[in-house]
N, C-alpha and C. Protein backbone atom coordinates (compact mmCIF):
# COMPACT_ATOMS: atom_id res chain seq x y z
N PRO A 1 -205.54 27.40 139.37
CA PRO A 1 -204.99 27.71 140.71
C PRO A 1 -203.69 27.73 140.51
N ARG A 2 -203.23 28.79 141.19
CA ARG A 2 -201.28 28.65 141.13
C ARG A 2 -200.76 27.82 142.46
N ILE A 3 -199.44 27.06 141.88
CA ILE A 3 -199.23 26.31 143.09
C ILE A 3 -198.12 27.14 143.75
N ALA A 4 -197.61 26.67 145.07
CA ALA A 4 -196.90 27.65 146.06
C ALA A 4 -195.40 28.10 145.22
N LEU A 5 -194.86 27.39 144.50
CA LEU A 5 -193.66 28.19 143.74
C LEU A 5 -194.02 28.62 142.83
N GLU A 6 -195.06 28.52 141.99
CA GLU A 6 -195.21 29.69 141.06
C GLU A 6 -195.62 31.07 141.75
N ARG A 7 -196.35 31.11 142.87
CA ARG A 7 -196.56 32.11 143.55
C ARG A 7 -195.11 32.86 144.20
N LEU A 8 -194.07 32.04 144.72
CA LEU A 8 -192.95 32.60 145.14
C LEU A 8 -192.27 32.99 144.00
N LEU A 9 -192.02 32.35 142.90
CA LEU A 9 -191.13 32.68 141.96
C LEU A 9 -191.65 33.23 140.69
N GLY A 10 -192.97 33.29 140.53
CA GLY A 10 -193.55 33.85 139.14
C GLY A 10 -193.61 32.31 138.10
N PRO A 11 -194.50 32.52 137.20
CA PRO A 11 -194.66 31.59 136.24
C PRO A 11 -193.70 31.29 134.87
N GLY A 12 -192.73 32.18 135.01
CA GLY A 12 -191.36 32.20 133.93
C GLY A 12 -190.18 31.29 134.80
N ALA A 13 -190.39 30.92 135.80
CA ALA A 13 -189.42 30.63 136.71
C ALA A 13 -189.79 28.92 136.77
N VAL A 14 -191.01 28.96 136.91
CA VAL A 14 -191.36 27.41 136.68
C VAL A 14 -191.40 26.66 135.38
N PHE A 15 -191.74 27.54 134.51
CA PHE A 15 -191.33 27.15 133.34
C PHE A 15 -190.05 26.94 133.09
N ALA A 16 -189.35 27.63 133.53
CA ALA A 16 -187.90 27.39 133.21
C ALA A 16 -187.02 26.22 133.94
N VAL A 17 -187.88 25.84 134.89
CA VAL A 17 -187.43 24.84 135.60
C VAL A 17 -187.82 23.53 135.15
N LEU A 18 -189.11 23.50 134.53
CA LEU A 18 -189.61 22.22 133.49
C LEU A 18 -188.67 21.98 132.61
N VAL A 19 -188.26 23.29 131.50
CA VAL A 19 -187.14 22.92 130.95
C VAL A 19 -185.95 22.49 131.12
N GLY A 20 -185.56 23.01 132.08
CA GLY A 20 -184.33 22.25 132.63
C GLY A 20 -184.53 21.00 133.05
N LEU A 21 -185.79 20.67 133.41
CA LEU A 21 -185.77 18.97 133.97
C LEU A 21 -186.01 18.21 133.13
N SER A 22 -186.50 18.44 131.61
CA SER A 22 -186.85 17.74 130.79
C SER A 22 -185.39 17.77 129.82
N ALA A 23 -184.66 18.72 129.78
CA ALA A 23 -183.22 18.97 129.44
C ALA A 23 -182.28 17.56 129.90
N TYR A 24 -182.44 17.72 131.40
CA TYR A 24 -181.71 16.71 132.14
C TYR A 24 -182.11 15.23 131.93
N ALA A 25 -183.35 15.21 131.73
CA ALA A 25 -183.70 13.62 131.21
C ALA A 25 -183.39 13.24 130.25
N PHE A 26 -183.39 14.05 129.02
CA PHE A 26 -183.05 13.87 127.64
C PHE A 26 -181.56 13.40 127.58
N ALA A 27 -181.02 14.27 128.45
CA ALA A 27 -179.55 13.99 128.56
C ALA A 27 -178.79 12.55 129.38
N MET A 28 -179.57 12.28 130.00
CA MET A 28 -179.69 11.19 131.24
C MET A 28 -180.28 9.55 130.08
N GLY A 29 -180.87 10.07 129.74
CA GLY A 29 -181.44 9.19 128.76
C GLY A 29 -180.08 8.64 127.97
N GLY A 30 -179.27 9.48 127.49
CA GLY A 30 -178.31 8.99 126.81
C GLY A 30 -178.37 10.22 125.25
N GLY A 31 -179.12 10.91 125.36
CA GLY A 31 -179.14 12.26 124.33
C GLY A 31 -179.01 11.76 122.97
N LYS A 32 -179.45 10.66 122.48
CA LYS A 32 -179.07 10.20 121.32
C LYS A 32 -180.26 9.21 120.56
N ALA A 33 -180.16 9.52 119.32
CA ALA A 33 -181.29 8.56 118.86
C ALA A 33 -180.82 6.98 118.60
N PRO A 34 -181.65 6.19 118.43
CA PRO A 34 -181.20 4.97 118.64
C PRO A 34 -180.53 4.46 117.50
N LYS A 35 -179.54 3.55 117.44
CA LYS A 35 -178.67 3.25 116.77
C LYS A 35 -179.87 2.28 115.49
N ARG A 36 -179.47 2.59 114.05
CA ARG A 36 -180.16 1.91 113.27
C ARG A 36 -179.99 0.50 112.89
N ASP A 37 -180.88 -0.27 112.76
CA ASP A 37 -180.99 -1.83 113.00
C ASP A 37 -180.55 -1.97 111.49
N ALA A 38 -179.34 -2.95 111.67
CA ALA A 38 -178.41 -3.00 110.61
C ALA A 38 -178.42 -4.62 110.34
N SER A 39 -179.51 -5.51 111.04
CA SER A 39 -179.65 -6.78 110.55
C SER A 39 -180.04 -6.89 109.24
N LEU A 40 -179.73 -8.14 108.59
CA LEU A 40 -180.28 -8.38 107.28
C LEU A 40 -181.88 -8.89 106.96
N VAL A 41 -182.19 -8.49 106.20
CA VAL A 41 -183.39 -9.15 105.87
C VAL A 41 -183.33 -9.62 104.49
N LYS A 42 -183.50 -11.11 104.38
CA LYS A 42 -183.03 -11.95 102.88
C LYS A 42 -184.41 -11.72 101.91
N ASP A 43 -183.89 -11.71 100.65
CA ASP A 43 -185.10 -11.68 99.68
C ASP A 43 -185.47 -10.45 99.59
N CYS A 44 -185.23 -9.17 99.41
CA CYS A 44 -185.78 -7.95 99.63
C CYS A 44 -186.16 -7.59 98.16
N TRP A 45 -187.23 -7.03 97.61
CA TRP A 45 -187.48 -6.57 96.28
C TRP A 45 -187.86 -5.17 96.27
N ARG A 46 -187.66 -5.02 95.18
CA ARG A 46 -187.97 -3.20 94.39
C ARG A 46 -189.56 -3.46 94.15
N ASN A 47 -190.84 -2.91 94.76
CA ASN A 47 -191.74 -2.67 94.36
C ASN A 47 -191.96 -2.07 92.99
N PRO A 48 -192.36 -2.15 91.88
CA PRO A 48 -192.52 -1.40 90.86
C PRO A 48 -193.57 -0.35 91.10
N ALA A 49 -194.54 -0.77 91.72
CA ALA A 49 -195.63 0.23 91.99
C ALA A 49 -195.51 1.06 92.96
N THR A 50 -194.74 0.95 94.32
CA THR A 50 -194.28 2.13 95.17
C THR A 50 -192.98 2.32 94.99
N ARG A 51 -192.05 1.77 94.08
CA ARG A 51 -190.73 2.19 93.87
C ARG A 51 -190.23 2.12 95.44
N LYS A 52 -190.64 1.23 96.57
CA LYS A 52 -189.85 1.11 97.54
C LYS A 52 -189.36 -0.18 97.69
N LEU A 53 -187.88 -0.54 98.24
CA LEU A 53 -187.61 -1.60 98.85
C LEU A 53 -188.40 -2.51 99.66
N GLU A 54 -189.06 -3.61 99.62
CA GLU A 54 -189.91 -4.46 100.45
C GLU A 54 -189.68 -5.54 100.96
N PRO A 55 -190.09 -5.87 102.10
CA PRO A 55 -189.36 -7.55 102.75
C PRO A 55 -189.97 -8.25 101.89
N PRO A 56 -189.61 -9.82 101.88
CA PRO A 56 -190.30 -10.71 100.99
C PRO A 56 -191.84 -10.93 101.27
N ALA A 57 -192.52 -10.68 100.29
CA ALA A 57 -193.94 -11.23 100.15
C ALA A 57 -194.37 -12.20 99.26
N PRO A 58 -194.38 -13.70 99.72
CA PRO A 58 -194.68 -14.60 98.99
C PRO A 58 -196.16 -14.68 98.48
N TRP A 59 -197.00 -13.89 99.06
CA TRP A 59 -198.21 -13.95 98.59
C TRP A 59 -198.53 -13.04 97.10
N ASP A 60 -197.39 -12.10 97.09
CA ASP A 60 -197.58 -11.12 95.94
C ASP A 60 -197.12 -11.42 94.83
N ASP A 61 -198.08 -11.43 93.74
CA ASP A 61 -197.28 -11.69 92.44
C ASP A 61 -195.92 -10.90 92.16
N GLY A 62 -196.13 -9.91 92.16
CA GLY A 62 -194.87 -8.91 91.79
C GLY A 62 -193.96 -9.69 92.40
N TYR A 63 -193.85 -10.10 93.60
CA TYR A 63 -192.44 -10.65 94.54
C TYR A 63 -192.29 -11.79 93.86
N VAL A 64 -193.21 -12.68 93.57
CA VAL A 64 -192.88 -13.95 92.87
C VAL A 64 -192.04 -13.93 91.91
N ALA A 65 -192.57 -12.61 91.06
CA ALA A 65 -191.91 -12.48 89.40
C ALA A 65 -190.63 -12.06 89.66
N ALA A 66 -190.63 -11.22 90.77
CA ALA A 66 -188.98 -10.28 90.80
C ALA A 66 -188.19 -11.85 91.48
N LYS A 67 -188.64 -12.74 92.19
CA LYS A 67 -187.83 -13.68 92.30
C LYS A 67 -187.23 -14.30 91.45
N ARG A 68 -188.49 -14.80 90.84
CA ARG A 68 -188.04 -15.50 89.48
C ARG A 68 -186.95 -15.04 88.38
N ARG A 69 -187.09 -13.57 88.51
CA ARG A 69 -186.29 -13.09 87.59
C ARG A 69 -184.87 -12.82 87.96
N GLY A 70 -184.92 -12.86 89.54
CA GLY A 70 -183.73 -12.75 90.08
C GLY A 70 -183.41 -11.20 90.97
N ASP A 71 -184.14 -10.74 90.73
CA ASP A 71 -184.56 -9.28 91.19
C ASP A 71 -184.42 -8.89 92.81
N VAL A 72 -184.14 -10.31 93.47
CA VAL A 72 -184.15 -9.77 95.13
C VAL A 72 -182.40 -9.66 95.48
N ARG A 73 -182.67 -9.21 96.80
CA ARG A 73 -181.29 -8.89 97.18
C ARG A 73 -181.42 -8.77 98.95
N ASP A 74 -180.36 -8.92 99.60
CA ASP A 74 -180.47 -8.87 101.09
C ASP A 74 -180.32 -7.31 101.34
N ALA A 75 -180.90 -7.05 102.34
CA ALA A 75 -181.06 -5.63 102.65
C ALA A 75 -181.11 -5.32 104.07
N ALA A 76 -180.30 -4.24 104.41
CA ALA A 76 -180.52 -3.99 105.81
C ALA A 76 -181.75 -3.52 106.34
N ARG A 77 -182.27 -3.67 107.60
CA ARG A 77 -183.62 -3.73 107.95
C ARG A 77 -184.14 -1.90 107.67
N TRP A 78 -183.21 -1.30 107.96
CA TRP A 78 -183.39 0.12 107.94
C TRP A 78 -183.74 0.95 106.36
N GLU A 79 -183.12 -0.21 105.33
CA GLU A 79 -183.44 0.30 104.13
C GLU A 79 -184.66 0.15 103.43
N LEU A 80 -185.40 -0.81 104.37
CA LEU A 80 -186.80 -1.02 103.61
C LEU A 80 -188.01 0.06 103.84
N GLY A 81 -188.64 0.37 103.13
CA GLY A 81 -189.55 1.39 102.85
C GLY A 81 -190.87 1.39 103.41
């Protein structure tokens, strides 16, 4: 069933209004992506199996070995894989 506005202006106009309203809502919301979380996570390690920087995992033997070798570092939260 068509709504009254669609009957009056046509389906293209209703679509244009919806696109305009969504663009307005995006712009009013700031129109930007959220900032990166730059808080530091201590003792991050590079997992050799995944080759990703991971947060500390005391239950993981790989993390324990990396910590023993001194291969841990502080990293920004956005760097973690």
